[in-house]
PDB file of all heavy atoms in Angstrom:
ATOM      1  N   GLY A   1     157.352 188.197 158.671  1.00  0.00           N
ATOM      2  CA  GLY A   1     157.074 187.766 160.058  1.00  0.00           C
ATOM      3  C   GLY A   1     156.454 186.398 160.113  1.00  0.00           C
ATOM      4  O   GLY A   1     156.054 185.947 161.205  1.00  0.00           O
ATOM      5  N   LYS A   2     156.275 185.697 159.002  1.00  0.00           N
ATOM      6  CA  LYS A   2     155.710 184.395 158.955  1.00  0.00           C
ATOM      7  C   LYS A   2     156.738 183.296 158.968  1.00  0.00           C
ATOM      8  O   LYS A   2     157.817 183.485 158.478  1.00  0.00           O
ATOM      9  CB  LYS A   2     154.807 184.230 157.705  1.00  0.00           C
ATOM     10  CG  LYS A   2     153.611 185.196 157.726  1.00  0.00           C
ATOM     11  CD  LYS A   2     152.725 184.955 156.498  1.00  0.00           C
ATOM     12  CE  LYS A   2     151.538 185.957 156.437  1.00  0.00           C
ATOM     13  NZ  LYS A   2     150.720 185.678 155.228  1.00  0.00           N
ATOM     14  N   ARG A   3     156.340 182.118 159.536  1.00  0.00           N
ATOM     15  CA  ARG A   3     157.268 180.985 159.533  1.00  0.00           C
ATOM     16  C   ARG A   3     157.314 180.379 158.170  1.00  0.00           C
ATOM     17  O   ARG A   3     156.317 180.164 157.538  1.00  0.00           O
ATOM     18  CB  ARG A   3     156.793 179.953 160.610  1.00  0.00           C
ATOM     19  CG  ARG A   3     157.878 178.887 160.891  1.00  0.00           C
ATOM     20  CD  ARG A   3     157.353 177.834 161.783  1.00  0.00           C
ATOM     21  NE  ARG A   3     156.593 176.844 160.989  1.00  0.00           N
ATOM     22  CZ  ARG A   3     156.071 175.775 161.500  1.00  0.00           C
ATOM     23  NH1 ARG A   3     156.164 175.491 162.840  1.00  0.00           N
ATOM     24  NH2 ARG A   3     155.409 174.924 160.720  1.00  0.00           N
ATOM     25  N   ARG A   4     158.545 179.946 157.776  1.00  0.00           N
ATOM     26  CA  ARG A   4     158.696 179.320 156.482  1.00  0.00           C
ATOM     27  C   ARG A   4     159.677 178.158 156.583  1.00  0.00           C
ATOM     28  O   ARG A   4     160.561 178.167 157.491  1.00  0.00           O
ATOM     29  CB  ARG A   4     159.277 180.363 155.468  1.00  0.00           C
ATOM     30  CG  ARG A   4     158.417 181.626 155.321  1.00  0.00           C
ATOM     31  CD  ARG A   4     158.809 182.432 154.117  1.00  0.00           C
ATOM     32  NE  ARG A   4     158.369 181.818 152.884  1.00  0.00           N
ATOM     33  CZ  ARG A   4     158.536 182.421 151.671  1.00  0.00           C
ATOM     34  NH1 ARG A   4     159.163 183.542 151.582  1.00  0.00           N
ATOM     35  NH2 ARG A   4     158.109 181.755 150.567  1.00  0.00           N
ATOM     36  N   ASP A   5     159.479 177.162 155.707  1.00  0.00           N
ATOM     37  CA  ASP A   5     160.329 176.026 155.656  1.00  0.00           C
ATOM     38  C   ASP A   5     161.123 176.007 154.342  1.00  0.00           C
ATOM     39  O   ASP A   5     160.487 176.088 153.333  1.00  0.00           O
ATOM     40  CB  ASP A   5     159.540 174.731 155.823  1.00  0.00           C
ATOM     41  CG  ASP A   5     158.988 174.527 157.223  1.00  0.00           C
ATOM     42  OD1 ASP A   5     159.487 175.298 158.123  1.00  0.00           O
ATOM     43  OD2 ASP A   5     158.107 173.682 157.420  1.00  0.00           O
ATOM     44  N   MET A   6     162.403 175.840 154.436  1.00  0.00           N
ATOM     45  CA  MET A   6     163.247 175.839 153.234  1.00  0.00           C
ATOM     46  C   MET A   6     163.962 174.531 153.118  1.00  0.00           C
ATOM     47  O   MET A   6     164.691 174.091 154.007  1.00  0.00           O
ATOM     48  CB  MET A   6     164.247 176.998 153.329  1.00  0.00           C
ATOM     49  CG  MET A   6     165.150 177.108 152.078  1.00  0.00           C
ATOM     50  SD  MET A   6     166.231 178.577 152.304  1.00  0.00           S
ATOM     51  CE  MET A   6     167.048 178.549 150.666  1.00  0.00           C
ATOM     52  N   GLY A   7     163.713 173.800 151.977  1.00  0.00           N
ATOM     53  CA  GLY A   7     164.382 172.523 151.772  1.00  0.00           C
ATOM     54  C   GLY A   7     165.832 172.683 151.383  1.00  0.00           C
ATOM     55  O   GLY A   7     166.189 173.538 150.576  1.00  0.00           O
ATOM     56  N   LEU A   8     166.683 171.817 151.948  1.00  0.00           N
ATOM     57  CA  LEU A   8     168.160 171.879 151.695  1.00  0.00           C
ATOM     58  C   LEU A   8     168.668 170.523 151.112  1.00  0.00           C
ATOM     59  O   LEU A   8     169.876 170.333 151.099  1.00  0.00           O
ATOM     60  CB  LEU A   8     168.928 172.259 152.946  1.00  0.00           C
ATOM     61  CG  LEU A   8     168.627 173.603 153.579  1.00  0.00           C
ATOM     62  CD1 LEU A   8     169.447 173.797 154.815  1.00  0.00           C
ATOM     63  CD2 LEU A   8     168.883 174.706 152.497  1.00  0.00           C
ATOM     64  N   GLY A   9     167.748 169.673 150.608  1.00  0.00           N
ATOM     65  CA  GLY A   9     168.241 168.405 150.007  1.00  0.00           C
ATOM     66  C   GLY A   9     167.817 167.234 150.805  1.00  0.00           C
ATOM     67  O   GLY A   9     167.186 167.332 151.842  1.00  0.00           O
ATOM     68  N   ARG A  10     168.173 166.033 150.332  1.00  0.00           N
ATOM     69  CA  ARG A  10     167.765 164.816 150.986  1.00  0.00           C
ATOM     70  C   ARG A  10     168.993 164.113 151.646  1.00  0.00           C
ATOM     71  O   ARG A  10     170.081 164.162 151.103  1.00  0.00           O
ATOM     72  CB  ARG A  10     167.129 163.810 149.938  1.00  0.00           C
ATOM     73  CG  ARG A  10     165.850 164.359 149.448  1.00  0.00           C
ATOM     74  CD  ARG A  10     165.133 163.353 148.527  1.00  0.00           C
ATOM     75  NE  ARG A  10     163.818 163.809 148.062  1.00  0.00           N
ATOM     76  CZ  ARG A  10     162.694 163.685 148.825  1.00  0.00           C
ATOM     77  NH1 ARG A  10     162.779 163.083 150.018  1.00  0.00           N
ATOM     78  NH2 ARG A  10     161.541 164.173 148.386  1.00  0.00           N
ATOM     79  N   TYR A  11     168.734 163.510 152.725  1.00  0.00           N
ATOM     80  CA  TYR A  11     169.777 162.712 153.444  1.00  0.00           C
ATOM     81  C   TYR A  11     169.549 161.243 153.028  1.00  0.00           C
ATOM     82  O   TYR A  11     168.444 160.789 152.889  1.00  0.00           O
ATOM     83  CB  TYR A  11     169.587 162.874 154.951  1.00  0.00           C
ATOM     84  CG  TYR A  11     170.651 162.032 155.750  1.00  0.00           C
ATOM     85  CD1 TYR A  11     171.834 162.503 155.993  1.00  0.00           C
ATOM     86  CD2 TYR A  11     170.279 160.774 156.166  1.00  0.00           C
ATOM     87  CE1 TYR A  11     172.791 161.773 156.678  1.00  0.00           C
ATOM     88  CE2 TYR A  11     171.191 159.959 156.876  1.00  0.00           C
ATOM     89  CZ  TYR A  11     172.424 160.504 157.131  1.00  0.00           C
ATOM     90  OH  TYR A  11     173.369 159.736 157.808  1.00  0.00           O
ATOM     91  N   PRO A  12     170.639 160.501 152.704  1.00  0.00           N
ATOM     92  CA  PRO A  12     171.997 160.771 152.908  1.00  0.00           C
ATOM     93  C   PRO A  12     172.737 161.389 151.724  1.00  0.00           C
ATOM     94  O   PRO A  12     173.985 161.520 151.694  1.00  0.00           O
ATOM     95  CB  PRO A  12     172.607 159.409 153.210  1.00  0.00           C
ATOM     96  CG  PRO A  12     171.768 158.461 152.397  1.00  0.00           C
ATOM     97  CD  PRO A  12     170.384 159.037 152.425  1.00  0.00           C
ATOM     98  N   ASP A  13     171.904 161.776 150.594  1.00  0.00           N
ATOM     99  CA  ASP A  13     172.597 162.381 149.464  1.00  0.00           C
ATOM    100  C   ASP A  13     173.349 163.667 149.844  1.00  0.00           C
ATOM    101  O   ASP A  13     174.436 163.937 149.356  1.00  0.00           O
ATOM    102  CB  ASP A  13     171.517 162.642 148.361  1.00  0.00           C
ATOM    103  CG  ASP A  13     170.896 161.427 147.792  1.00  0.00           C
ATOM    104  OD1 ASP A  13     171.569 160.351 147.880  1.00  0.00           O
ATOM    105  OD2 ASP A  13     169.749 161.477 147.387  1.00  0.00           O
ATOM    106  N   VAL A  14     172.698 164.379 150.691  1.00  0.00           N
ATOM    107  CA  VAL A  14     173.338 165.568 151.279  1.00  0.00           C
ATOM    108  C   VAL A  14     173.766 165.172 152.718  1.00  0.00           C
ATOM    109  O   VAL A  14     172.881 165.136 153.627  1.00  0.00           O
ATOM    110  CB  VAL A  14     172.355 166.772 151.333  1.00  0.00           C
ATOM    111  CG1 VAL A  14     173.065 168.013 151.952  1.00  0.00           C
ATOM    112  CG2 VAL A  14     171.968 167.182 149.926  1.00  0.00           C
ATOM    113  N   PRO A  15     174.976 164.987 152.987  1.00  0.00           N
ATOM    114  CA  PRO A  15     175.482 164.580 154.323  1.00  0.00           C
ATOM    115  C   PRO A  15     175.250 165.714 155.351  1.00  0.00           C
ATOM    116  O   PRO A  15     175.031 166.838 155.017  1.00  0.00           O
ATOM    117  CB  PRO A  15     176.986 164.239 154.106  1.00  0.00           C
ATOM    118  CG  PRO A  15     177.379 164.926 152.879  1.00  0.00           C
ATOM    119  CD  PRO A  15     176.145 165.014 152.026  1.00  0.00           C
ATOM    120  N   ILE A  16     175.427 165.387 156.578  1.00  0.00           N
ATOM    121  CA  ILE A  16     175.165 166.325 157.672  1.00  0.00           C
ATOM    122  C   ILE A  16     176.061 167.551 157.579  1.00  0.00           C
ATOM    123  O   ILE A  16     175.592 168.677 157.744  1.00  0.00           O
ATOM    124  CB  ILE A  16     175.409 165.612 159.056  1.00  0.00           C
ATOM    125  CG1 ILE A  16     174.380 164.466 159.240  1.00  0.00           C
ATOM    126  CG2 ILE A  16     175.351 166.608 160.179  1.00  0.00           C
ATOM    127  CD1 ILE A  16     174.597 163.667 160.539  1.00  0.00           C
ATOM    128  N   ARG A  17     177.354 167.352 157.243  1.00  0.00           N
ATOM    129  CA  ARG A  17     178.284 168.486 157.163  1.00  0.00           C
ATOM    130  C   ARG A  17     177.777 169.528 156.057  1.00  0.00           C
ATOM    131  O   ARG A  17     177.822 170.727 156.306  1.00  0.00           O
ATOM    132  CB  ARG A  17     179.689 168.000 156.890  1.00  0.00           C
ATOM    133  CG  ARG A  17     180.712 169.164 156.824  1.00  0.00           C
ATOM    134  CD  ARG A  17     182.090 168.611 156.620  1.00  0.00           C
ATOM    135  NE  ARG A  17     182.535 167.843 157.736  1.00  0.00           N
ATOM    136  CZ  ARG A  17     183.714 167.262 157.844  1.00  0.00           C
ATOM    137  NH1 ARG A  17     184.580 167.310 156.793  1.00  0.00           N
ATOM    138  NH2 ARG A  17     184.011 166.532 158.910  1.00  0.00           N
ATOM    139  N   GLU A  18     177.431 168.965 154.949  1.00  0.00           N
ATOM    140  CA  GLU A  18     176.973 169.875 153.795  1.00  0.00           C
ATOM    141  C   GLU A  18     175.654 170.580 154.185  1.00  0.00           C
ATOM    142  O   GLU A  18     175.428 171.764 153.840  1.00  0.00           O
ATOM    143  CB  GLU A  18     176.799 169.103 152.524  1.00  0.00           C
ATOM    144  CG  GLU A  18     178.123 168.588 151.941  1.00  0.00           C
ATOM    145  CD  GLU A  18     177.903 167.943 150.607  1.00  0.00           C
ATOM    146  OE1 GLU A  18     176.779 168.118 149.974  1.00  0.00           O
ATOM    147  OE2 GLU A  18     178.804 167.240 150.166  1.00  0.00           O
ATOM    148  N   ALA A  19     174.803 169.889 154.903  1.00  0.00           N
ATOM    149  CA  ALA A  19     173.537 170.495 155.290  1.00  0.00           C
ATOM    150  C   ALA A  19     173.760 171.666 156.285  1.00  0.00           C
ATOM    151  O   ALA A  19     173.116 172.664 156.201  1.00  0.00           O
ATOM    152  CB  ALA A  19     172.609 169.398 155.911  1.00  0.00           C
ATOM    153  N   ARG A  20     174.701 171.456 157.221  1.00  0.00           N
ATOM    154  CA  ARG A  20     175.056 172.487 158.196  1.00  0.00           C
ATOM    155  C   ARG A  20     175.674 173.722 157.465  1.00  0.00           C
ATOM    156  O   ARG A  20     175.319 174.883 157.787  1.00  0.00           O
ATOM    157  CB  ARG A  20     176.011 171.965 159.194  1.00  0.00           C
ATOM    158  CG  ARG A  20     175.334 171.046 160.233  1.00  0.00           C
ATOM    159  CD  ARG A  20     176.343 170.418 161.132  1.00  0.00           C
ATOM    160  NE  ARG A  20     175.678 169.494 162.080  1.00  0.00           N
ATOM    161  CZ  ARG A  20     176.313 168.487 162.716  1.00  0.00           C
ATOM    162  NH1 ARG A  20     177.587 168.278 162.516  1.00  0.00           N
ATOM    163  NH2 ARG A  20     175.627 167.789 163.576  1.00  0.00           N
ATOM    164  N   THR A  21     176.529 173.435 156.445  1.00  0.00           N
ATOM    165  CA  THR A  21     177.130 174.526 155.739  1.00  0.00           C
ATOM    166  C   THR A  21     176.074 175.346 154.981  1.00  0.00           C
ATOM    167  O   THR A  21     176.050 176.601 155.015  1.00  0.00           O
ATOM    168  CB  THR A  21     178.130 174.024 154.698  1.00  0.00           C
ATOM    169  OG1 THR A  21     179.154 173.296 155.384  1.00  0.00           O
ATOM    170  CG2 THR A  21     178.800 175.113 153.919  1.00  0.00           C
ATOM    171  N   ALA A  22     175.145 174.686 154.344  1.00  0.00           N
ATOM    172  CA  ALA A  22     174.041 175.364 153.661  1.00  0.00           C
ATOM    173  C   ALA A  22     173.162 176.116 154.635  1.00  0.00           C
ATOM    174  O   ALA A  22     172.708 177.273 154.368  1.00  0.00           O
ATOM    175  CB  ALA A  22     173.227 174.324 152.891  1.00  0.00           C
ATOM    176  N   ALA A  23     172.903 175.519 155.806  1.00  0.00           N
ATOM    177  CA  ALA A  23     172.108 176.188 156.848  1.00  0.00           C
ATOM    178  C   ALA A  23     172.739 177.457 157.345  1.00  0.00           C
ATOM    179  O   ALA A  23     172.036 178.462 157.630  1.00  0.00           O
ATOM    180  CB  ALA A  23     171.773 175.241 157.899  1.00  0.00           C
ATOM    181  N   LEU A  24     174.086 177.359 157.492  1.00  0.00           N
ATOM    182  CA  LEU A  24     174.783 178.629 157.894  1.00  0.00           C
ATOM    183  C   LEU A  24     174.703 179.724 156.939  1.00  0.00           C
ATOM    184  O   LEU A  24     174.614 180.902 157.235  1.00  0.00           O
ATOM    185  CB  LEU A  24     176.244 178.238 158.241  1.00  0.00           C
ATOM    186  CG  LEU A  24     176.527 177.392 159.480  1.00  0.00           C
ATOM    187  CD1 LEU A  24     177.952 176.919 159.558  1.00  0.00           C
ATOM    188  CD2 LEU A  24     176.140 178.217 160.720  1.00  0.00           C
ATOM    189  N   GLU A  25     174.738 179.351 155.631  1.00  0.00           N
ATOM    190  CA  GLU A  25     174.571 180.401 154.571  1.00  0.00           C
ATOM    191  C   GLU A  25     173.197 181.023 154.655  1.00  0.00           C
ATOM    192  O   GLU A  25     173.054 182.247 154.459  1.00  0.00           O
ATOM    193  CB  GLU A  25     174.773 179.737 153.166  1.00  0.00           C
ATOM    194  CG  GLU A  25     176.198 179.334 152.863  1.00  0.00           C
ATOM    195  CD  GLU A  25     177.186 180.561 152.856  1.00  0.00           C
ATOM    196  OE1 GLU A  25     176.709 181.662 152.398  1.00  0.00           O
ATOM    197  OE2 GLU A  25     178.316 180.429 153.220  1.00  0.00           O
ATOM    198  N   VAL A  26     172.194 180.195 154.921  1.00  0.00           N
ATOM    199  CA  VAL A  26     170.829 180.747 155.029  1.00  0.00           C
ATOM    200  C   VAL A  26     170.715 181.618 156.234  1.00  0.00           C
ATOM    201  O   VAL A  26     170.127 182.720 156.228  1.00  0.00           O
ATOM    202  CB  VAL A  26     169.808 179.527 155.176  1.00  0.00           C
ATOM    203  CG1 VAL A  26     168.474 180.049 155.536  1.00  0.00           C
ATOM    204  CG2 VAL A  26     169.796 178.720 153.887  1.00  0.00           C
ATOM    205  N   ARG A  27     171.417 181.263 157.363  1.00  0.00           N
ATOM    206  CA  ARG A  27     171.375 182.038 158.570  1.00  0.00           C
ATOM    207  C   ARG A  27     172.030 183.415 158.321  1.00  0.00           C
ATOM    208  O   ARG A  27     171.522 184.426 158.823  1.00  0.00           O
ATOM    209  CB  ARG A  27     172.111 181.306 159.650  1.00  0.00           C
ATOM    210  CG  ARG A  27     172.234 181.997 161.042  1.00  0.00           C
ATOM    211  CD  ARG A  27     170.902 182.227 161.599  1.00  0.00           C
ATOM    212  NE  ARG A  27     170.199 180.967 161.924  1.00  0.00           N
ATOM    213  CZ  ARG A  27     168.966 180.897 162.275  1.00  0.00           C
ATOM    214  NH1 ARG A  27     168.202 181.995 162.316  1.00  0.00           N
ATOM    215  NH2 ARG A  27     168.358 179.761 162.550  1.00  0.00           N
ATOM    216  N   ARG A  28     173.102 183.491 157.457  1.00  0.00           N
ATOM    217  CA  ARG A  28     173.711 184.790 157.152  1.00  0.00           C
ATOM    218  C   ARG A  28     172.783 185.695 156.418  1.00  0.00           C
ATOM    219  O   ARG A  28     172.781 186.911 156.605  1.00  0.00           O
ATOM    220  CB  ARG A  28     174.978 184.545 156.368  1.00  0.00           C
ATOM    221  CG  ARG A  28     176.125 183.865 157.143  1.00  0.00           C
ATOM    222  CD  ARG A  28     177.418 183.862 156.381  1.00  0.00           C
ATOM    223  NE  ARG A  28     178.426 183.084 157.033  1.00  0.00           N
ATOM    224  CZ  ARG A  28     178.740 181.764 156.806  1.00  0.00           C
ATOM    225  NH1 ARG A  28     178.042 181.142 155.903  1.00  0.00           N
ATOM    226  NH2 ARG A  28     179.689 181.185 157.493  1.00  0.00           N
TER     227      ARG A  28
END
């Protein structure tokens, strides 16, 4: 029940599209 922050890489090494794909996997 606690808030947490999860790193998904650095921009622009990880472009927006890849970041969204990774975020969707986390959401699942």
